[in-house]
Structures are given as C-alpha cells and as structure tokens.
Amino acid sequence: MDFFSIARQGNIGILTMNRPPMNNFNLQMYRELQESIAAINADDDIWAAIFRAEGKNFCTGNDVKEFINLTDQKSAAAYADKVSIAVGSVGACRVPLVGAINGMALGTGLGLASLCDVLVADDRAKFGIPEARVGIVGMACFIRRMLPEKLHRYMAFSGEMMTAEEMKAFGAVLKVVPAERLLDEAIKVAERFLMNPPLVLRGFKASMNANENALLGEKYAVEAGYTAKLCTTEDFREAVNSFFEKRKPAFKAR
C-alpha cells in the first residue's frame, strides 16, 4: 500500500496514514483504508489499535480535485458509495480504536476521528466539517456523535472549526497533549484497555456498535444523496472553482 501502513507494539496495532502534505483522501486512500482495517480485523494478536497520521495534519478531508469528475448524479452516487464503505469500516473495526489526532481533522478527517472509540489530540488540533464551503453535503451525521445537536448543526452550516480543548469540554476528546507526546499518550490509553480480556473488548465493541450505529450508514447515505443532486448545479461548480481559485464564491441558488 502507498498511503497506509500497520505496525505492532505488543498486542497494539498502529495504523498510520501518510499522504503528504495534508493527508487528504482520494479513492485509492479509501481503498487502502478499507484494506488496512480488514488486516487489523484478521489479526488475532491485535487486541487494540491506534489510528494516527504522519505530517502536520491528521486529515484535511477529501481531495477536492476528484470532485471535478462528479458530473452527474450517477458518478456522485458511485463516489459516495465507495467513501461510505471505507469510512464505515473504521467504525466496524472489531477492536477498540484510539484516534491520535494531530493538527487538523476536517471533513473526512473528522468523520474518521468520530468513528474512533477514544480520541487523544495534540494541543494544536482543530476539528471541522467544511463540506458546505466546497458545495457538498456530508459528515454531519458523524460530528453528531461528538457534539450536542445545536452545536453540530452550527458547525455544519458555518464550516467553522473547533479546537481540541473546546472538543474536550464537550467530552469528544479524552486528552489534549503536546504534539511530541501524542503517540505515547495514545499507547497508554490502548495499554489500559489491554488490562482486560481481549474477547471482552471485542464483545463490548460489537455490542456498542450494534446499539449506537445501527442507522449511521443510512444517515450518511441520506447526506450523500443530496450531494448527488447538487453536483449538477451551478453553485456546486462555483464552490469547487472558487476553492481552487482562492476567491470569494458568488452563489446563485441554482
């Protein structure tokens, strides 16, 4: 794989993504993510895992260049299906997953963070869903797992970010630490889990997922459906073009 690797420290699997400079996702990354989670699930010697990233940022979302290829509802729906399956695989990881969040976790990055069981973040980390700014609907159902309803709606509508300390105040982040301590703290959390029987950890994970996330895939499909409709509009093209041209968009509501 080009963008993901798995290492092991005892019974802790360490999944690292590395697509410099921003770890923004293209379709190959989504495929490799799904394959990586499958590899962790197939390894009986991994009892807990850490999800981390190289570079300055955990993940800044999708590679917007790929949105140019979304020219009709069929292509947008096919893209959303691939994203949904790969992102969903993170939530379905059979062992407890500790997210080690460095820098920005935006869009897909925030969605992936929300699907980790526990989050440790560095003190410069920021979270947000800027999807509205590039003309798409998505990831709001994931941030709802982390923040109160009114606040998650504000973040979806505004595209603004929250700091790790602000997220911690709402219980979304367990610990905020200096960047140089991030991986060590994540390992400490995973080691605490390993004080309990691994089969119990898997049982808790499976039962909590069944109860909490029963409709999460369906909820994301609703959001993706709106993106499929929007990709043929003038405003969608304007959002993508203004993003690349670094200018203020001129929307027309059509």
Protein backbone atom coordinates (compact mmCIF):
# COMPACT_ATOMS: atom_id res chain seq x y z
CA MET A 1 0.00 0.00 0.00
CA ASP A 2 1.16 3.53 -0.79
CA PHE A 3 -0.60 5.58 1.87
CA PHE A 4 -1.22 3.27 4.85
CA SER A 5 0.96 1.04 6.99
CA ILE A 6 0.38 -1.16 10.02
CA ALA A 7 2.94 -1.73 12.77
CA ARG A 8 2.55 -3.63 16.01
CA GLN A 9 3.70 -2.88 19.53
CA GLY A 10 2.89 -5.96 21.55
CA ASN A 11 -0.85 -6.50 21.10
CA ILE A 12 -1.44 -2.94 19.92
CA GLY A 13 -1.78 -2.32 16.19
CA ILE A 14 -0.66 1.11 14.98
CA LEU A 15 -2.33 2.20 11.74
CA THR A 16 -0.60 5.16 10.10
CA MET A 17 -1.75 7.14 7.09
CA ASN A 18 0.73 9.20 5.12
CA ARG A 19 -0.25 11.17 2.05
CA PRO A 20 1.66 14.44 2.31
CA PRO A 21 1.19 17.26 2.69
CA MET A 22 -2.40 17.20 4.07
CA ASN A 23 -3.48 13.53 4.13
CA ASN A 24 -6.49 14.43 2.01
CA PHE A 25 -8.33 11.41 0.64
CA ASN A 26 -8.57 10.20 -2.93
CA LEU A 27 -10.24 6.94 -3.95
CA GLN A 28 -7.01 4.97 -3.60
CA MET A 29 -6.71 6.09 0.01
CA TYR A 30 -10.25 4.96 0.71
CA ARG A 31 -9.49 1.54 -0.77
CA GLU A 32 -6.30 1.23 1.26
CA LEU A 33 -8.07 2.31 4.44
CA GLN A 34 -10.65 -0.41 4.00
CA GLU A 35 -7.91 -2.99 3.34
CA SER A 36 -5.97 -1.84 6.42
CA ILE A 37 -8.94 -2.20 8.75
CA ALA A 38 -9.61 -5.65 7.27
CA ALA A 39 -6.00 -6.61 8.03
CA ILE A 40 -6.36 -5.46 11.64
CA ASN A 41 -9.59 -7.40 12.00
CA ALA A 42 -7.92 -10.53 10.64
CA ASP A 43 -5.01 -10.38 13.10
CA ASP A 44 -5.98 -12.18 16.31
CA ASP A 45 -2.87 -10.82 18.03
CA ILE A 46 -4.13 -7.23 17.75
CA TRP A 47 -6.33 -6.54 20.76
CA ALA A 48 -6.50 -2.74 20.47
CA ALA A 49 -5.37 -0.30 17.79
CA ILE A 50 -4.26 3.28 17.26
CA PHE A 51 -5.18 5.36 14.22
CA ARG A 52 -2.65 8.11 13.55
CA ALA A 53 -1.12 10.15 10.73
CA GLU A 54 2.26 11.39 9.63
CA GLY A 55 2.76 15.07 8.87
CA LYS A 56 1.31 18.22 10.34
CA ASN A 57 -2.34 17.26 9.97
CA PHE A 58 -4.40 14.16 10.65
CA CYS A 59 -6.58 14.63 7.56
CA THR A 60 -7.98 17.74 5.87
CA GLY A 61 -10.79 15.92 4.07
CA ASN A 62 -11.29 14.79 0.51
CA ASP A 63 -9.05 15.65 -2.40
CA VAL A 64 -11.26 18.33 -3.96
CA LYS A 65 -9.66 17.65 -7.36
CA GLU A 66 -11.74 14.48 -7.54
CA PHE A 67 -14.96 16.50 -7.27
CA ILE A 68 -14.33 17.79 -10.79
CA ASN A 69 -15.20 14.30 -12.03
CA LEU A 70 -18.60 14.34 -10.33
CA THR A 71 -20.54 15.49 -13.37
CA ASP A 72 -23.86 13.74 -12.76
CA GLN A 73 -25.87 12.00 -10.06
CA LYS A 74 -24.62 8.56 -11.08
CA SER A 75 -20.93 9.44 -10.68
CA ALA A 76 -21.59 11.27 -7.41
CA ALA A 77 -23.56 8.32 -6.02
CA ALA A 78 -20.82 5.85 -7.01
CA TYR A 79 -18.18 8.01 -5.34
CA ALA A 80 -20.28 8.34 -2.18
CA ASP A 81 -20.79 4.58 -2.01
CA LYS A 82 -17.04 3.94 -2.04
CA VAL A 83 -16.45 6.59 0.60
CA SER A 84 -19.25 5.28 2.79
CA ILE A 85 -17.96 1.68 2.72
CA ALA A 86 -14.39 2.70 3.54
CA VAL A 87 -15.31 5.16 6.29
CA GLY A 88 -17.80 2.69 7.73
CA SER A 89 -15.07 0.07 8.00
CA VAL A 90 -13.34 2.25 10.61
CA GLY A 91 -16.39 2.20 12.84
CA ALA A 92 -16.67 -1.55 12.29
CA CYS A 93 -13.09 -2.24 13.40
CA ARG A 94 -13.53 -5.14 15.82
CA VAL A 95 -11.05 -3.89 18.44
CA PRO A 96 -11.04 -0.64 20.45
CA LEU A 97 -9.58 2.11 18.27
CA VAL A 98 -7.75 5.10 19.76
CA GLY A 99 -7.53 8.11 17.45
CA ALA A 100 -4.31 10.12 17.80
CA ILE A 101 -5.31 13.43 16.21
CA ASN A 102 -2.58 15.82 15.12
CA GLY A 103 -3.29 19.19 13.53
CA MET A 104 -6.48 19.47 11.51
CA ALA A 105 -9.19 16.83 11.29
CA LEU A 106 -11.63 18.22 8.74
CA GLY A 107 -14.45 16.64 6.76
CA THR A 108 -13.46 13.04 6.21
CA GLY A 109 -10.79 13.54 8.87
CA LEU A 110 -13.42 14.48 11.42
CA GLY A 111 -15.62 11.60 10.31
CA LEU A 112 -12.76 9.15 10.83
CA ALA A 113 -11.98 10.68 14.23
CA SER A 114 -15.61 10.36 15.28
CA LEU A 115 -15.54 6.64 14.48
CA CYS A 116 -12.59 6.00 16.78
CA ASP A 117 -13.65 4.87 20.25
CA VAL A 118 -11.46 7.33 22.15
CA LEU A 119 -9.57 10.42 20.99
CA VAL A 120 -6.27 11.86 22.13
CA ALA A 121 -5.35 15.13 20.38
CA ASP A 122 -2.36 17.40 20.28
CA ASP A 123 -2.73 20.94 21.57
CA ARG A 124 -2.92 22.49 18.10
CA ALA A 125 -5.58 20.10 16.76
CA LYS A 126 -8.74 21.51 15.19
CA PHE A 127 -11.94 19.80 14.09
CA GLY A 128 -14.48 20.85 11.49
CA ILE A 129 -16.73 19.92 8.56
CA PRO A 130 -16.11 22.46 5.77
CA GLU A 131 -18.15 20.45 3.23
CA ALA A 132 -20.62 23.30 2.68
CA ARG A 133 -17.77 25.51 1.50
CA VAL A 134 -17.00 23.18 -1.40
CA GLY A 135 -20.61 22.59 -2.36
CA ILE A 136 -21.35 19.17 -0.86
CA VAL A 137 -23.39 17.66 1.96
CA GLY A 138 -21.71 15.18 4.26
CA MET A 139 -20.16 14.19 7.61
CA ALA A 140 -22.77 15.97 9.75
CA CYS A 141 -24.07 12.61 10.96
CA PHE A 142 -20.59 11.82 12.23
CA ILE A 143 -19.97 15.04 14.13
CA ARG A 144 -23.33 14.46 15.79
CA ARG A 145 -21.63 11.56 17.61
CA MET A 146 -19.25 14.08 19.20
CA LEU A 147 -21.19 17.28 19.90
CA PRO A 148 -24.63 18.46 21.05
CA GLU A 149 -27.28 18.86 18.35
CA LYS A 150 -27.34 22.66 18.10
CA LEU A 151 -23.57 22.94 18.01
CA HIS A 152 -23.11 20.24 15.39
CA ARG A 153 -25.69 22.00 13.22
CA TYR A 154 -23.82 25.29 13.59
CA MET A 155 -20.58 23.66 12.51
CA ALA A 156 -22.26 22.05 9.50
CA PHE A 157 -23.87 25.30 8.35
CA SER A 158 -20.85 27.54 9.03
CA GLY A 159 -17.91 25.29 8.20
CA GLU A 160 -16.07 26.72 11.21
CA MET A 161 -13.59 24.73 13.29
CA MET A 162 -13.27 23.93 17.00
CA THR A 163 -10.04 23.43 18.92
CA ALA A 164 -9.11 20.23 20.70
CA GLU A 165 -9.64 21.94 24.06
CA GLU A 166 -13.15 23.02 23.01
CA MET A 167 -13.94 19.48 21.88
CA LYS A 168 -12.60 18.14 25.18
CA ALA A 169 -15.01 20.40 27.07
CA PHE A 170 -17.89 18.52 25.39
CA GLY A 171 -16.37 15.10 26.08
CA ALA A 172 -15.41 14.42 22.46
CA VAL A 173 -11.67 14.30 23.24
CA LEU A 174 -10.25 12.41 26.21
CA LYS A 175 -6.84 14.08 26.45
CA VAL A 176 -5.07 17.08 24.91
CA VAL A 177 -1.28 16.83 24.99
CA PRO A 178 1.78 18.42 23.35
CA ALA A 179 2.47 17.06 19.86
CA GLU A 180 5.61 15.23 20.94
CA ARG A 181 3.62 13.20 23.48
CA LEU A 182 0.67 12.34 21.24
CA LEU A 183 1.57 8.79 20.23
CA ASP A 184 2.85 7.90 23.72
CA GLU A 185 -0.43 9.03 25.29
CA ALA A 186 -2.46 7.10 22.73
CA ILE A 187 -0.42 3.97 23.51
CA LYS A 188 -1.06 4.49 27.24
CA VAL A 189 -4.81 4.56 26.60
CA ALA A 190 -4.60 1.39 24.49
CA GLU A 191 -2.47 -0.31 27.15
CA ARG A 192 -5.17 0.46 29.72
CA PHE A 193 -7.66 -1.42 27.53
CA LEU A 194 -5.32 -4.41 27.36
CA MET A 195 -5.64 -4.89 31.11
CA ASN A 196 -8.99 -6.52 30.25
CA PRO A 197 -9.66 -9.75 28.30
CA PRO A 198 -9.40 -9.19 24.52
CA LEU A 199 -12.57 -11.16 23.82
CA VAL A 200 -14.44 -8.91 26.25
CA LEU A 201 -13.10 -5.85 24.43
CA ARG A 202 -14.35 -7.24 21.12
CA GLY A 203 -17.71 -8.09 22.70
CA PHE A 204 -18.12 -4.58 24.07
CA LYS A 205 -17.11 -3.07 20.72
CA ALA A 206 -19.54 -5.22 18.73
CA SER A 207 -22.46 -4.67 21.09
CA MET A 208 -21.94 -0.91 21.39
CA ASN A 209 -21.65 -0.58 17.61
CA ALA A 210 -24.84 -2.58 17.11
CA ASN A 211 -26.73 -0.37 19.53
CA GLU A 212 -25.30 3.04 18.69
CA ASN A 213 -24.56 2.94 14.97
CA ALA A 214 -27.46 0.88 13.67
CA LEU A 215 -28.55 3.68 11.33
CA LEU A 216 -25.28 5.55 10.79
CA GLY A 217 -24.71 4.14 7.30
CA GLU A 218 -28.26 5.00 6.32
CA LYS A 219 -27.84 8.53 7.69
CA TYR A 220 -24.69 9.11 5.66
CA ALA A 221 -26.49 7.75 2.58
CA VAL A 222 -29.14 10.47 3.04
CA GLU A 223 -26.42 13.16 3.06
CA ALA A 224 -24.68 11.63 0.04
CA GLY A 225 -27.98 11.62 -1.81
CA TYR A 226 -28.19 15.39 -1.51
CA THR A 227 -24.64 15.74 -2.82
CA ALA A 228 -25.59 13.60 -5.82
CA LYS A 229 -28.40 16.04 -6.60
CA LEU A 230 -26.25 19.13 -6.03
CA CYS A 231 -23.35 18.08 -8.28
CA THR A 232 -25.26 19.14 -11.40
CA THR A 233 -25.93 22.68 -10.12
CA GLU A 234 -24.17 25.94 -10.94
CA ASP A 235 -23.46 26.54 -7.26
CA PHE A 236 -21.61 23.23 -6.94
CA ARG A 237 -19.22 24.23 -9.75
CA GLU A 238 -18.84 27.69 -8.28
CA ALA A 239 -17.97 26.25 -4.85
CA VAL A 240 -15.30 23.96 -6.33
CA ASN A 241 -13.87 26.62 -8.67
CA SER A 242 -13.74 29.35 -6.01
CA PHE A 243 -11.97 26.92 -3.68
CA PHE A 244 -9.22 26.31 -6.23
CA GLU A 245 -9.04 29.96 -7.27
CA LYS A 246 -8.92 31.10 -3.62
CA ARG A 247 -11.64 33.72 -4.09
CA LYS A 248 -14.98 34.56 -2.57
CA PRO A 249 -17.73 32.50 -4.24
CA ALA A 250 -20.70 34.08 -5.99
CA PHE A 251 -23.63 31.74 -5.40
CA LYS A 252 -26.96 31.95 -7.25
CA ALA A 253 -29.02 29.25 -5.50
CA ARG A 254 -29.34 27.30 -8.75
